[in-house]
């Protein structure tokens, strides 16, 4: 049995692939490997094991798992390392719970996306969620990556960047009056509250990204919003995707934000000659196909 995990700060998506190709999916809390103690990591994994056992008795207590692939942001091993330093505690827990696993792989969310949309073929992959990222993938490895640089210096095309662009205009009085008045009624956005959430909170990108659905809900009735949304995607294409060989390779996109706005994304992309092979909200289905077709 193959076990695939996609872990973020807020949730972990798990998928068990049986020998006959069937799949069982469960969700647990996220795992921040940099700060979470091993006992908390183990508790979450045991919750996943229990959920799998309830859904499929053949899963047992994990003894049927022979292969594990764990994906998370920034999970990259240094040269010569089998396990990334941030995953050492996780590795010990996984080997304890799944003693029959002969292969345990740790990989980044970017490789996760590339495998999901490109499989074993060469291509360009992009993540468009709260943040953004992109790469050129040779069918095995990521061979080029235009750095995301985070929501302050980058993340063009993502939900947090859209929120940042809007909020910057709002605080400077550049948002059209009717939109600004409506926004002020719907959110507590006085200057000090915004500054505290952006510069002093633990999750500023999440805060800025939380405004994206509200902004997008006014896309069709506000020229200002249309220009803002399309400009956000345009920046991603000009500053990131144009640095890859877009003439010869299509772009596959993973992420809830990109998926929700796929029609706008494709419209803007056509202006740059960008072809999209697929736009999916989550990579798990593509990962199952990738790991079962090796």
Protein backbone atom coordinates (compact mmCIF):
# COMPACT_ATOMS: atom_id res chain seq x y z
CA UNK A 1 0.00 0.00 0.00
CA UNK A 2 1.22 3.49 -0.89
CA UNK A 3 0.61 6.38 1.52
CA UNK A 4 0.71 9.95 0.21
CA UNK A 5 0.57 12.98 2.50
CA UNK A 6 0.31 16.67 1.63
CA UNK A 7 0.88 18.75 4.71
CA UNK A 8 0.38 22.43 5.35
CA UNK A 9 0.17 24.60 8.44
CA UNK A 10 -3.59 24.16 8.82
CA UNK A 11 -4.38 20.70 7.40
CA UNK A 12 -2.85 17.51 6.05
CA UNK A 13 -4.44 15.59 3.17
CA UNK A 14 -3.71 11.85 3.28
CA UNK A 15 -4.37 9.28 0.55
CA UNK A 16 -3.81 5.53 0.83
CA UNK A 17 -3.53 3.65 -2.47
CA UNK A 18 -4.31 -0.05 -2.24
CA UNK A 19 -2.74 -2.78 -4.37
CA UNK A 20 -5.77 -2.91 -6.64
CA UNK A 21 -5.55 0.86 -7.28
CA UNK A 22 -8.34 1.90 -4.93
CA UNK A 23 -7.91 5.05 -2.85
CA UNK A 24 -8.96 6.17 0.62
CA UNK A 25 -8.67 9.84 1.57
CA UNK A 26 -8.64 11.37 5.05
CA UNK A 27 -7.81 14.78 6.52
CA UNK A 28 -6.06 15.69 9.76
CA UNK A 29 -4.64 18.81 11.35
CA UNK A 30 -1.61 20.36 9.71
CA UNK A 31 1.93 19.73 10.86
CA UNK A 32 4.41 22.56 11.23
CA UNK A 33 7.54 20.44 11.43
CA UNK A 34 9.75 23.36 12.41
CA UNK A 35 8.02 23.91 15.76
CA UNK A 36 5.78 20.92 16.48
CA UNK A 37 7.09 18.45 19.11
CA UNK A 38 7.42 14.77 18.06
CA UNK A 39 4.60 13.63 20.35
CA UNK A 40 2.16 16.01 18.64
CA UNK A 41 3.32 14.83 15.22
CA UNK A 42 2.78 11.22 16.30
CA UNK A 43 -0.70 12.01 17.63
CA UNK A 44 -1.78 13.48 14.29
CA UNK A 45 -0.38 10.54 12.31
CA UNK A 46 -2.11 8.05 14.59
CA UNK A 47 -5.37 9.93 13.99
CA UNK A 48 -4.83 9.41 10.26
CA UNK A 49 -4.12 5.70 10.82
CA UNK A 50 -7.33 5.33 12.85
CA UNK A 51 -9.35 7.11 10.16
CA UNK A 52 -7.90 4.88 7.44
CA UNK A 53 -8.70 1.81 9.52
CA UNK A 54 -12.31 2.89 9.91
CA UNK A 55 -12.67 3.56 6.18
CA UNK A 56 -10.85 0.40 5.05
CA UNK A 57 -10.19 -2.47 7.50
CA UNK A 58 -7.45 -3.82 5.21
CA UNK A 59 -5.34 -0.82 6.22
CA UNK A 60 -4.96 -2.34 9.69
CA UNK A 61 -2.75 -0.33 12.00
CA UNK A 62 -0.39 0.70 9.22
CA UNK A 63 1.53 -2.54 8.77
CA UNK A 64 0.34 -2.83 5.16
CA UNK A 65 2.05 0.44 4.13
CA UNK A 66 5.17 -0.26 2.08
CA UNK A 67 5.79 3.18 0.58
CA UNK A 68 5.31 6.74 1.94
CA UNK A 69 5.57 10.06 0.09
CA UNK A 70 5.35 13.14 2.29
CA UNK A 71 5.06 16.61 0.73
CA UNK A 72 5.28 19.98 2.49
CA UNK A 73 6.44 23.52 1.76
CA UNK A 74 10.21 23.93 1.90
CA UNK A 75 10.87 20.24 2.49
CA UNK A 76 14.15 19.94 0.60
CA UNK A 77 17.08 17.76 1.66
CA UNK A 78 20.57 19.24 1.51
CA UNK A 79 23.14 17.47 -0.70
CA UNK A 80 24.02 14.15 0.86
CA UNK A 81 21.01 14.13 3.19
CA UNK A 82 18.42 11.36 2.97
CA UNK A 83 16.03 13.24 5.23
CA UNK A 84 15.69 17.06 5.38
CA UNK A 85 16.75 18.42 8.76
CA UNK A 86 13.24 19.71 9.44
CA UNK A 87 11.79 16.22 8.94
CA UNK A 88 14.08 14.23 11.27
CA UNK A 89 11.47 13.99 14.05
CA UNK A 90 8.79 13.09 11.51
CA UNK A 91 11.00 10.39 10.00
CA UNK A 92 11.47 8.71 13.38
CA UNK A 93 7.71 8.73 13.98
CA UNK A 94 6.85 7.36 10.54
CA UNK A 95 9.37 4.53 10.86
CA UNK A 96 7.94 3.65 14.24
CA UNK A 97 4.31 3.60 13.05
CA UNK A 98 4.97 2.06 9.61
CA UNK A 99 7.80 -0.46 10.18
CA UNK A 100 7.14 -2.25 6.87
CA UNK A 101 7.70 0.90 4.78
CA UNK A 102 10.76 0.26 2.61
CA UNK A 103 10.63 3.72 1.03
CA UNK A 104 9.91 7.03 2.75
CA UNK A 105 10.33 10.09 0.56
CA UNK A 106 10.24 13.76 1.62
CA UNK A 107 9.64 16.41 -1.04
CA UNK A 108 8.58 20.03 -1.44
CA UNK A 109 5.12 21.25 -2.37
CA UNK A 110 6.59 22.50 -5.65
CA UNK A 111 7.73 19.00 -6.65
CA UNK A 112 4.31 17.86 -5.48
CA UNK A 113 2.67 20.25 -7.96
CA UNK A 114 5.04 19.36 -10.80
CA UNK A 115 4.41 15.64 -10.42
CA UNK A 116 0.66 16.22 -10.22
CA UNK A 117 0.35 18.24 -13.44
CA UNK A 118 3.29 16.93 -15.48
CA UNK A 119 3.56 13.32 -14.32
CA UNK A 120 6.74 11.88 -15.80
CA UNK A 121 6.92 14.40 -18.66
CA UNK A 122 8.77 17.68 -19.01
CA UNK A 123 6.72 20.79 -18.35
CA UNK A 124 6.05 24.01 -16.44
CA UNK A 125 4.20 23.81 -13.14
CA UNK A 126 2.73 26.64 -11.06
CA UNK A 127 1.17 26.93 -7.62
CA UNK A 128 -1.50 29.59 -7.21
CA UNK A 129 -2.94 29.57 -3.72
CA UNK A 130 -2.54 32.11 -0.95
CA UNK A 131 1.02 32.36 -2.25
CA UNK A 132 2.52 31.39 -5.60
CA UNK A 133 5.47 29.51 -7.02
CA UNK A 134 6.57 28.00 -10.32
CA UNK A 135 9.18 25.76 -11.91
CA UNK A 136 10.37 23.91 -14.97
CA UNK A 137 10.36 20.17 -14.41
CA UNK A 138 12.29 17.67 -16.52
CA UNK A 139 10.08 14.70 -15.68
CA UNK A 140 12.21 13.77 -12.66
CA UNK A 141 13.57 16.90 -11.02
CA UNK A 142 12.89 20.62 -10.78
CA UNK A 143 15.60 22.14 -12.95
CA UNK A 144 14.59 25.81 -12.83
CA UNK A 145 12.71 27.81 -10.23
CA UNK A 146 11.92 31.51 -10.35
CA UNK A 147 11.83 32.15 -6.62
CA UNK A 148 8.51 33.00 -5.04
CA UNK A 149 10.14 35.45 -2.57
CA UNK A 150 7.09 35.44 -0.27
CA UNK A 151 4.18 37.83 0.02
CA UNK A 152 6.33 40.91 0.70
CA UNK A 153 8.75 40.57 -2.21
CA UNK A 154 6.77 38.31 -4.51
CA UNK A 155 3.93 35.77 -4.55
CA UNK A 156 2.57 37.49 -7.65
CA UNK A 157 -0.67 35.91 -8.82
CA UNK A 158 -1.62 34.54 -5.40
CA UNK A 159 -4.46 35.47 -3.07
CA UNK A 160 -2.28 37.27 -0.52
CA UNK A 161 -0.73 39.44 -3.23
CA UNK A 162 -4.20 40.42 -4.46
CA UNK A 163 -5.19 41.32 -0.90
CA UNK A 164 -1.99 43.31 -0.46
CA UNK A 165 -2.56 45.29 -3.66
CA UNK A 166 -6.12 46.12 -2.67
CA UNK A 167 -5.26 47.01 0.92
CA UNK A 168 -2.41 49.29 -0.16
CA UNK A 169 -4.82 51.19 -2.39
CA UNK A 170 -7.50 51.26 0.30
CA UNK A 171 -5.19 52.77 2.92
CA UNK A 172 -4.02 55.43 0.46
CA UNK A 173 -7.53 56.37 -0.64
CA UNK A 174 -7.13 54.99 -4.16
CA UNK A 175 -10.05 52.56 -4.12
CA UNK A 176 -13.20 53.96 -5.82
CA UNK A 177 -15.61 55.42 -3.27
CA UNK A 178 -18.44 52.91 -3.62
CA UNK A 179 -16.11 49.91 -3.30
CA UNK A 180 -14.20 51.48 -0.40
CA UNK A 181 -17.43 52.27 1.45
CA UNK A 182 -18.71 48.71 1.01
CA UNK A 183 -15.38 47.25 2.11
CA UNK A 184 -15.34 49.44 5.21
CA UNK A 185 -18.80 48.23 6.17
CA UNK A 186 -17.91 44.56 5.74
CA UNK A 187 -14.55 44.52 7.55
CA UNK A 188 -12.83 46.15 10.49
CA UNK A 189 -10.09 47.86 8.52
CA UNK A 190 -9.02 50.93 10.41
CA UNK A 191 -5.39 51.80 9.86
CA UNK A 192 -4.01 50.45 13.15
CA UNK A 193 -5.88 47.14 12.84
CA UNK A 194 -4.48 46.58 9.36
CA UNK A 195 -0.93 47.51 10.39
CA UNK A 196 -1.11 45.18 13.40
CA UNK A 197 -2.31 42.25 11.29
CA UNK A 198 0.23 42.78 8.51
CA UNK A 199 3.33 43.69 10.52
CA UNK A 200 2.81 42.06 13.92
CA UNK A 201 0.65 38.96 13.48
CA UNK A 202 1.89 35.39 13.03
CA UNK A 203 0.11 34.91 9.69
CA UNK A 204 0.07 38.16 7.66
CA UNK A 205 -0.23 36.43 4.27
CA UNK A 206 -3.27 34.51 5.48
CA UNK A 207 -4.80 37.79 6.70
CA UNK A 208 -4.26 39.52 3.36
CA UNK A 209 -5.44 36.48 1.43
CA UNK A 210 -8.67 36.41 3.44
CA UNK A 211 -9.86 39.48 1.51
CA UNK A 212 -9.45 37.80 -1.89
CA UNK A 213 -12.94 36.20 -2.06
CA UNK A 214 -14.58 39.55 -1.28
CA UNK A 215 -12.50 41.29 -3.94
CA UNK A 216 -13.22 38.62 -6.56
CA UNK A 217 -16.92 38.80 -5.82
CA UNK A 218 -16.90 42.30 -7.37
CA UNK A 219 -14.84 41.40 -10.46
CA UNK A 220 -17.74 41.64 -12.91
CA UNK A 221 -19.16 44.94 -11.67
CA UNK A 222 -16.06 47.04 -11.03
CA UNK A 223 -13.50 48.08 -13.63
CA UNK A 224 -11.09 48.89 -10.82
CA UNK A 225 -11.38 45.35 -9.41
CA UNK A 226 -11.02 43.78 -12.88
CA UNK A 227 -7.83 45.71 -13.48
CA UNK A 228 -6.51 44.73 -10.05
CA UNK A 229 -7.26 41.01 -10.45
CA UNK A 230 -5.96 40.79 -14.00
CA UNK A 231 -2.93 42.88 -13.10
CA UNK A 232 -2.07 40.44 -10.31
CA UNK A 233 -2.08 37.52 -12.78
CA UNK A 234 -0.27 39.64 -15.36
CA UNK A 235 2.55 40.28 -12.89
CA UNK A 236 2.89 36.54 -12.30
CA UNK A 237 3.15 35.89 -16.02
CA UNK A 238 5.55 38.73 -16.76
CA UNK A 239 7.81 38.26 -13.75
CA UNK A 240 7.70 34.46 -13.43
CA UNK A 241 6.17 32.37 -16.22
CA UNK A 242 7.83 34.36 -19.01
CA UNK A 243 11.21 33.19 -17.69
CA UNK A 244 10.39 29.62 -18.77
CA UNK A 245 10.07 28.15 -22.26
CA UNK A 246 6.37 28.93 -22.62
CA UNK A 247 6.57 28.65 -26.41
CA UNK A 248 7.27 24.92 -26.24
CA UNK A 249 5.66 23.84 -22.97
CA UNK A 250 2.19 24.39 -21.52
CA UNK A 251 1.67 25.39 -17.89
CA UNK A 252 -0.10 23.20 -15.36
CA UNK A 253 -1.56 25.00 -12.34
CA UNK A 254 -2.33 23.67 -8.86
CA UNK A 255 -4.12 25.66 -6.16
CA UNK A 256 -7.53 26.74 -4.98
CA UNK A 257 -7.03 30.39 -5.90
CA UNK A 258 -5.92 29.61 -9.45
CA UNK A 259 -8.71 27.07 -9.90
CA UNK A 260 -11.40 29.46 -8.67
CA UNK A 261 -10.18 32.05 -11.18
CA UNK A 262 -9.19 29.74 -14.04
CA UNK A 263 -11.26 31.57 -16.66
CA UNK A 264 -9.60 34.90 -15.81
CA UNK A 265 -6.20 33.19 -15.64
CA UNK A 266 -6.60 31.67 -19.10
CA UNK A 267 -7.89 34.93 -20.56
CA UNK A 268 -4.88 36.86 -19.29
CA UNK A 269 -2.50 34.04 -20.24
CA UNK A 270 -3.67 34.08 -23.85
CA UNK A 271 -2.31 37.62 -24.13
CA UNK A 272 1.18 36.22 -23.47
CA UNK A 273 0.85 33.11 -25.60
CA UNK A 274 0.65 30.92 -22.49
CA UNK A 275 -1.18 27.61 -22.87
CA UNK A 276 -2.56 25.88 -19.80
CA UNK A 277 -2.53 22.08 -19.82
CA UNK A 278 -4.59 21.79 -16.65
CA UNK A 279 -5.78 23.85 -13.71
CA UNK A 280 -6.67 21.79 -10.63
CA UNK A 281 -7.60 22.79 -7.07
CA UNK A 282 -5.46 20.13 -5.37
CA UNK A 283 -2.73 17.75 -6.56
CA UNK A 284 -3.70 14.51 -4.84
CA UNK A 285 -5.36 12.85 -7.86
CA UNK A 286 -2.34 13.61 -10.04
CA UNK A 287 0.01 12.32 -7.34
CA UNK A 288 -1.85 9.02 -7.15
CA UNK A 289 -1.47 8.63 -10.91
CA UNK A 290 2.22 9.57 -10.71
CA UNK A 291 3.11 7.15 -7.91
CA UNK A 292 1.15 4.25 -9.35
CA UNK A 293 2.62 4.61 -12.84
CA UNK A 294 6.30 4.59 -11.90
